[in-house]
């Protein structure tokens, strides 16, 4: 009797396995997201305007640091920023605001 029960359990598990394989085997593959990156050097005086313009164009700020031109007497400051945005299949790489 126990060998018959074991046989039925194995058959049942096999059927469940086939059903699960059929159900999950048809899930569409999701391709990984692709990103493009932009490095911008923005003067302090234009920071807000240029950052907002890039944001309107779909760019997301991911890193920023304040830098100077190295002058000791009257340095000029700017922000070195890295932006990213999701690549679109039809967009060209030279697409920039």
N, C-alpha and C. Protein backbone atom coordinates (compact mmCIF):
# COMPACT_ATOMS: atom_id res chain seq x y z
N UNK A 1 0.82 -1.20 0.00
CA UNK A 1 0.00 0.00 0.00
C UNK A 1 0.87 1.27 0.00
N UNK A 2 1.95 1.29 0.73
CA UNK A 2 2.77 2.49 0.80
C UNK A 2 3.49 2.76 -0.52
N UNK A 3 3.87 1.70 -1.25
CA UNK A 3 4.52 1.94 -2.53
C UNK A 3 3.54 2.53 -3.54
N UNK A 4 2.27 2.15 -3.42
CA UNK A 4 1.26 2.72 -4.31
C UNK A 4 1.03 4.19 -3.98
N UNK A 5 1.01 4.55 -2.70
CA UNK A 5 0.84 5.94 -2.28
C UNK A 5 2.04 6.77 -2.75
N UNK A 6 3.24 6.21 -2.58
CA UNK A 6 4.45 6.92 -3.04
C UNK A 6 4.40 7.14 -4.55
N UNK A 7 3.95 6.13 -5.28
CA UNK A 7 3.83 6.25 -6.73
C UNK A 7 2.85 7.36 -7.11
N UNK A 8 1.70 7.42 -6.43
CA UNK A 8 0.72 8.46 -6.72
C UNK A 8 1.25 9.86 -6.36
N UNK A 9 2.02 9.93 -5.29
CA UNK A 9 2.61 11.22 -4.90
C UNK A 9 3.60 11.68 -5.96
N UNK A 10 4.44 10.77 -6.45
CA UNK A 10 5.42 11.10 -7.48
C UNK A 10 4.71 11.54 -8.76
N UNK A 11 3.67 10.82 -9.16
CA UNK A 11 2.90 11.20 -10.35
C UNK A 11 2.26 12.56 -10.16
N UNK A 12 1.66 12.80 -9.00
CA UNK A 12 1.03 14.09 -8.72
C UNK A 12 2.02 15.24 -8.77
N UNK A 13 3.20 15.02 -8.16
CA UNK A 13 4.23 16.06 -8.19
C UNK A 13 4.73 16.31 -9.61
N UNK A 14 4.84 15.26 -10.39
CA UNK A 14 5.25 15.41 -11.79
C UNK A 14 4.26 16.24 -12.58
N UNK A 15 2.97 15.97 -12.37
CA UNK A 15 1.92 16.74 -13.06
C UNK A 15 1.97 18.20 -12.62
N UNK A 16 2.11 18.43 -11.31
CA UNK A 16 2.21 19.81 -10.81
C UNK A 16 3.44 20.52 -11.39
N UNK A 17 4.54 19.79 -11.51
CA UNK A 17 5.75 20.36 -12.09
C UNK A 17 5.54 20.75 -13.54
N UNK A 18 4.87 19.90 -14.31
CA UNK A 18 4.59 20.22 -15.71
C UNK A 18 3.67 21.43 -15.84
N UNK A 19 2.67 21.50 -14.98
CA UNK A 19 1.77 22.65 -15.02
C UNK A 19 2.50 23.94 -14.65
N UNK A 20 3.36 23.88 -13.64
CA UNK A 20 4.11 25.07 -13.24
C UNK A 20 5.08 25.49 -14.34
N UNK A 21 5.73 24.53 -14.98
CA UNK A 21 6.66 24.84 -16.06
C UNK A 21 5.93 25.52 -17.22
N UNK A 22 4.74 25.01 -17.53
CA UNK A 22 3.96 25.59 -18.62
C UNK A 22 3.51 27.01 -18.26
N UNK A 23 3.09 27.21 -17.02
CA UNK A 23 2.60 28.53 -16.61
C UNK A 23 3.74 29.55 -16.55
N UNK A 24 4.86 29.20 -15.95
CA UNK A 24 5.96 30.15 -15.78
C UNK A 24 6.88 30.21 -16.98
N UNK A 25 6.82 29.25 -17.84
CA UNK A 25 7.65 29.26 -19.04
C UNK A 25 7.18 30.27 -20.07
N UNK A 26 5.94 30.73 -19.92
CA UNK A 26 5.40 31.68 -20.89
C UNK A 26 5.51 33.13 -20.44
N UNK A 27 6.19 33.39 -19.33
CA UNK A 27 6.38 34.76 -18.85
C UNK A 27 7.35 35.46 -19.79
N UNK A 28 6.99 36.63 -20.31
CA UNK A 28 7.89 37.32 -21.25
C UNK A 28 9.16 37.78 -20.53
N UNK A 29 10.25 37.72 -21.24
CA UNK A 29 11.53 38.17 -20.69
C UNK A 29 11.56 39.69 -20.70
N UNK A 30 12.02 40.27 -19.61
CA UNK A 30 12.13 41.72 -19.50
C UNK A 30 13.58 42.10 -19.75
N UNK A 31 13.80 42.93 -20.74
CA UNK A 31 15.17 43.35 -21.03
C UNK A 31 15.60 44.38 -19.99
N UNK A 32 16.88 44.38 -19.63
CA UNK A 32 17.35 45.33 -18.61
C UNK A 32 17.24 46.77 -19.11
N UNK A 33 17.05 47.66 -18.16
CA UNK A 33 16.98 49.07 -18.53
C UNK A 33 18.35 49.54 -19.00
N UNK A 34 18.33 50.43 -19.98
CA UNK A 34 19.56 51.01 -20.49
C UNK A 34 19.54 52.50 -20.16
N UNK A 35 20.68 53.01 -19.77
CA UNK A 35 20.80 54.41 -19.37
C UNK A 35 21.84 55.11 -20.22
N UNK A 36 21.65 56.41 -20.39
CA UNK A 36 22.69 57.24 -20.97
C UNK A 36 23.07 58.28 -19.92
N UNK A 37 24.30 58.73 -20.00
CA UNK A 37 24.84 59.63 -18.98
C UNK A 37 25.35 60.91 -19.62
N UNK A 38 25.29 61.98 -18.85
CA UNK A 38 25.74 63.29 -19.33
C UNK A 38 26.53 63.94 -18.20
N UNK A 39 27.67 64.50 -18.55
CA UNK A 39 28.47 65.25 -17.58
C UNK A 39 28.35 66.72 -17.95
N UNK A 40 27.99 67.54 -16.98
CA UNK A 40 27.81 68.96 -17.23
C UNK A 40 28.65 69.77 -16.25
N UNK A 41 29.24 70.83 -16.74
CA UNK A 41 30.00 71.78 -15.92
C UNK A 41 29.21 73.08 -15.95
N UNK A 42 28.55 73.39 -14.85
CA UNK A 42 27.61 74.51 -14.81
C UNK A 42 28.12 75.59 -13.86
N UNK A 43 28.25 76.84 -14.32
CA UNK A 43 28.66 77.93 -13.43
C UNK A 43 27.62 78.15 -12.33
N UNK A 44 28.10 78.64 -11.19
CA UNK A 44 27.19 78.91 -10.06
C UNK A 44 25.99 79.74 -10.48
N UNK A 45 26.23 80.76 -11.29
CA UNK A 45 25.16 81.70 -11.65
C UNK A 45 24.08 81.06 -12.52
N UNK A 46 24.40 79.97 -13.20
CA UNK A 46 23.43 79.31 -14.09
C UNK A 46 22.93 77.98 -13.54
N UNK A 47 23.30 77.67 -12.31
CA UNK A 47 23.00 76.35 -11.75
C UNK A 47 21.52 76.00 -11.81
N UNK A 48 20.68 76.84 -11.25
CA UNK A 48 19.25 76.53 -11.18
C UNK A 48 18.63 76.40 -12.56
N UNK A 49 18.90 77.35 -13.43
CA UNK A 49 18.31 77.33 -14.76
C UNK A 49 18.73 76.11 -15.58
N UNK A 50 20.03 75.83 -15.61
CA UNK A 50 20.50 74.70 -16.42
C UNK A 50 20.08 73.36 -15.82
N UNK A 51 20.07 73.28 -14.50
CA UNK A 51 19.64 72.03 -13.86
C UNK A 51 18.16 71.78 -14.14
N UNK A 52 17.34 72.81 -14.06
CA UNK A 52 15.92 72.66 -14.37
C UNK A 52 15.70 72.30 -15.84
N UNK A 53 16.48 72.91 -16.74
CA UNK A 53 16.36 72.59 -18.17
C UNK A 53 16.69 71.12 -18.43
N UNK A 54 17.76 70.65 -17.81
CA UNK A 54 18.13 69.24 -17.99
C UNK A 54 17.06 68.32 -17.38
N UNK A 55 16.50 68.70 -16.25
CA UNK A 55 15.42 67.91 -15.65
C UNK A 55 14.20 67.85 -16.55
N UNK A 56 13.86 68.97 -17.19
CA UNK A 56 12.72 68.98 -18.12
C UNK A 56 12.97 68.08 -19.32
N UNK A 57 14.25 67.90 -19.69
CA UNK A 57 14.60 67.05 -20.82
C UNK A 57 14.72 65.58 -20.41
N UNK A 58 14.39 65.26 -19.14
CA UNK A 58 14.39 63.88 -18.69
C UNK A 58 15.65 63.43 -17.98
N UNK A 59 16.60 64.35 -17.77
CA UNK A 59 17.85 63.99 -17.10
C UNK A 59 17.66 64.05 -15.59
N UNK A 60 18.18 63.06 -14.89
CA UNK A 60 18.13 62.99 -13.43
C UNK A 60 19.53 63.22 -12.88
N UNK A 61 19.67 64.16 -11.95
CA UNK A 61 20.96 64.45 -11.33
C UNK A 61 21.32 63.31 -10.39
N UNK A 62 22.49 62.70 -10.61
CA UNK A 62 22.90 61.60 -9.73
C UNK A 62 24.14 61.94 -8.91
N UNK A 63 24.88 62.98 -9.31
CA UNK A 63 26.05 63.38 -8.55
C UNK A 63 26.40 64.83 -8.88
N UNK A 64 26.86 65.56 -7.86
CA UNK A 64 27.29 66.94 -8.09
C UNK A 64 28.39 67.28 -7.10
N UNK A 65 29.34 68.08 -7.57
CA UNK A 65 30.36 68.59 -6.65
C UNK A 65 30.73 70.00 -7.09
N UNK A 66 31.02 70.81 -6.13
CA UNK A 66 31.40 72.18 -6.43
C UNK A 66 32.90 72.21 -6.69
N UNK A 67 33.30 72.90 -7.74
CA UNK A 67 34.71 72.96 -8.13
C UNK A 67 35.09 74.41 -8.40
N UNK A 68 36.37 74.66 -8.29
CA UNK A 68 36.86 76.00 -8.62
C UNK A 68 37.88 75.88 -9.75
N UNK A 69 38.17 77.01 -10.36
CA UNK A 69 39.14 77.01 -11.46
C UNK A 69 40.58 76.98 -10.95
N UNK A 70 40.77 77.01 -9.64
CA UNK A 70 42.11 76.91 -9.05
C UNK A 70 42.77 78.24 -8.76
N UNK A 71 42.14 79.33 -9.16
CA UNK A 71 42.71 80.65 -8.92
C UNK A 71 42.66 80.96 -7.43
N UNK A 72 43.78 81.48 -6.90
CA UNK A 72 43.82 81.81 -5.47
C UNK A 72 43.30 83.21 -5.19
N UNK A 73 43.37 84.12 -6.15
CA UNK A 73 42.96 85.50 -5.90
C UNK A 73 41.46 85.70 -6.11
N UNK A 74 40.91 85.27 -7.22
CA UNK A 74 39.46 85.39 -7.44
C UNK A 74 38.97 84.15 -8.20
N UNK A 75 38.77 83.07 -7.47
CA UNK A 75 38.37 81.82 -8.13
C UNK A 75 36.95 81.91 -8.71
N UNK A 76 36.77 81.18 -9.78
CA UNK A 76 35.44 81.03 -10.38
C UNK A 76 34.95 79.65 -10.00
N UNK A 77 33.73 79.58 -9.48
CA UNK A 77 33.17 78.31 -9.03
C UNK A 77 32.12 77.80 -10.00
N UNK A 78 32.05 76.50 -10.08
CA UNK A 78 31.03 75.87 -10.91
C UNK A 78 30.69 74.52 -10.28
N UNK A 79 29.69 73.90 -10.83
CA UNK A 79 29.30 72.56 -10.38
C UNK A 79 29.60 71.56 -11.49
N UNK A 80 30.29 70.51 -11.12
CA UNK A 80 30.49 69.40 -12.04
C UNK A 80 29.43 68.37 -11.67
N UNK A 81 28.56 68.07 -12.63
CA UNK A 81 27.41 67.22 -12.33
C UNK A 81 27.32 66.06 -13.31
N UNK A 82 26.80 64.95 -12.81
CA UNK A 82 26.55 63.79 -13.65
C UNK A 82 25.04 63.54 -13.64
N UNK A 83 24.49 63.41 -14.83
CA UNK A 83 23.07 63.15 -15.00
C UNK A 83 22.88 61.80 -15.70
N UNK A 84 21.72 61.22 -15.51
CA UNK A 84 21.38 60.00 -16.27
C UNK A 84 19.93 60.09 -16.69
N UNK A 85 19.60 59.37 -17.77
CA UNK A 85 18.21 59.22 -18.17
C UNK A 85 18.07 57.89 -18.91
N UNK A 86 16.88 57.36 -18.85
CA UNK A 86 16.59 56.09 -19.50
C UNK A 86 16.71 56.25 -21.00
N UNK A 87 17.41 55.33 -21.65
CA UNK A 87 17.55 55.39 -23.11
C UNK A 87 16.25 54.95 -23.76
N UNK A 88 15.88 55.64 -24.80
CA UNK A 88 14.73 55.25 -25.60
C UNK A 88 15.24 54.60 -26.87
N UNK A 89 14.51 53.62 -27.34
CA UNK A 89 14.96 52.85 -28.50
C UNK A 89 15.21 53.74 -29.71
N UNK A 90 14.38 54.77 -29.90
CA UNK A 90 14.52 55.60 -31.10
C UNK A 90 15.38 56.83 -30.88
N UNK A 91 15.84 57.08 -29.65
CA UNK A 91 16.64 58.28 -29.37
C UNK A 91 18.07 58.09 -29.80
N UNK A 92 18.65 59.14 -30.32
CA UNK A 92 20.06 59.07 -30.70
C UNK A 92 20.91 59.48 -29.51
N UNK A 93 22.15 59.07 -29.50
CA UNK A 93 23.04 59.36 -28.40
C UNK A 93 23.42 60.84 -28.35
N UNK A 94 23.31 61.54 -29.45
CA UNK A 94 23.71 62.96 -29.47
C UNK A 94 22.58 63.88 -29.05
N UNK A 95 21.45 63.31 -28.65
CA UNK A 95 20.29 64.11 -28.23
C UNK A 95 20.60 64.79 -26.92
N UNK A 96 20.82 66.08 -26.94
CA UNK A 96 21.10 66.83 -25.71
C UNK A 96 20.47 68.20 -25.83
N UNK A 97 20.06 68.75 -24.68
CA UNK A 97 19.43 70.09 -24.70
C UNK A 97 20.42 71.19 -24.97
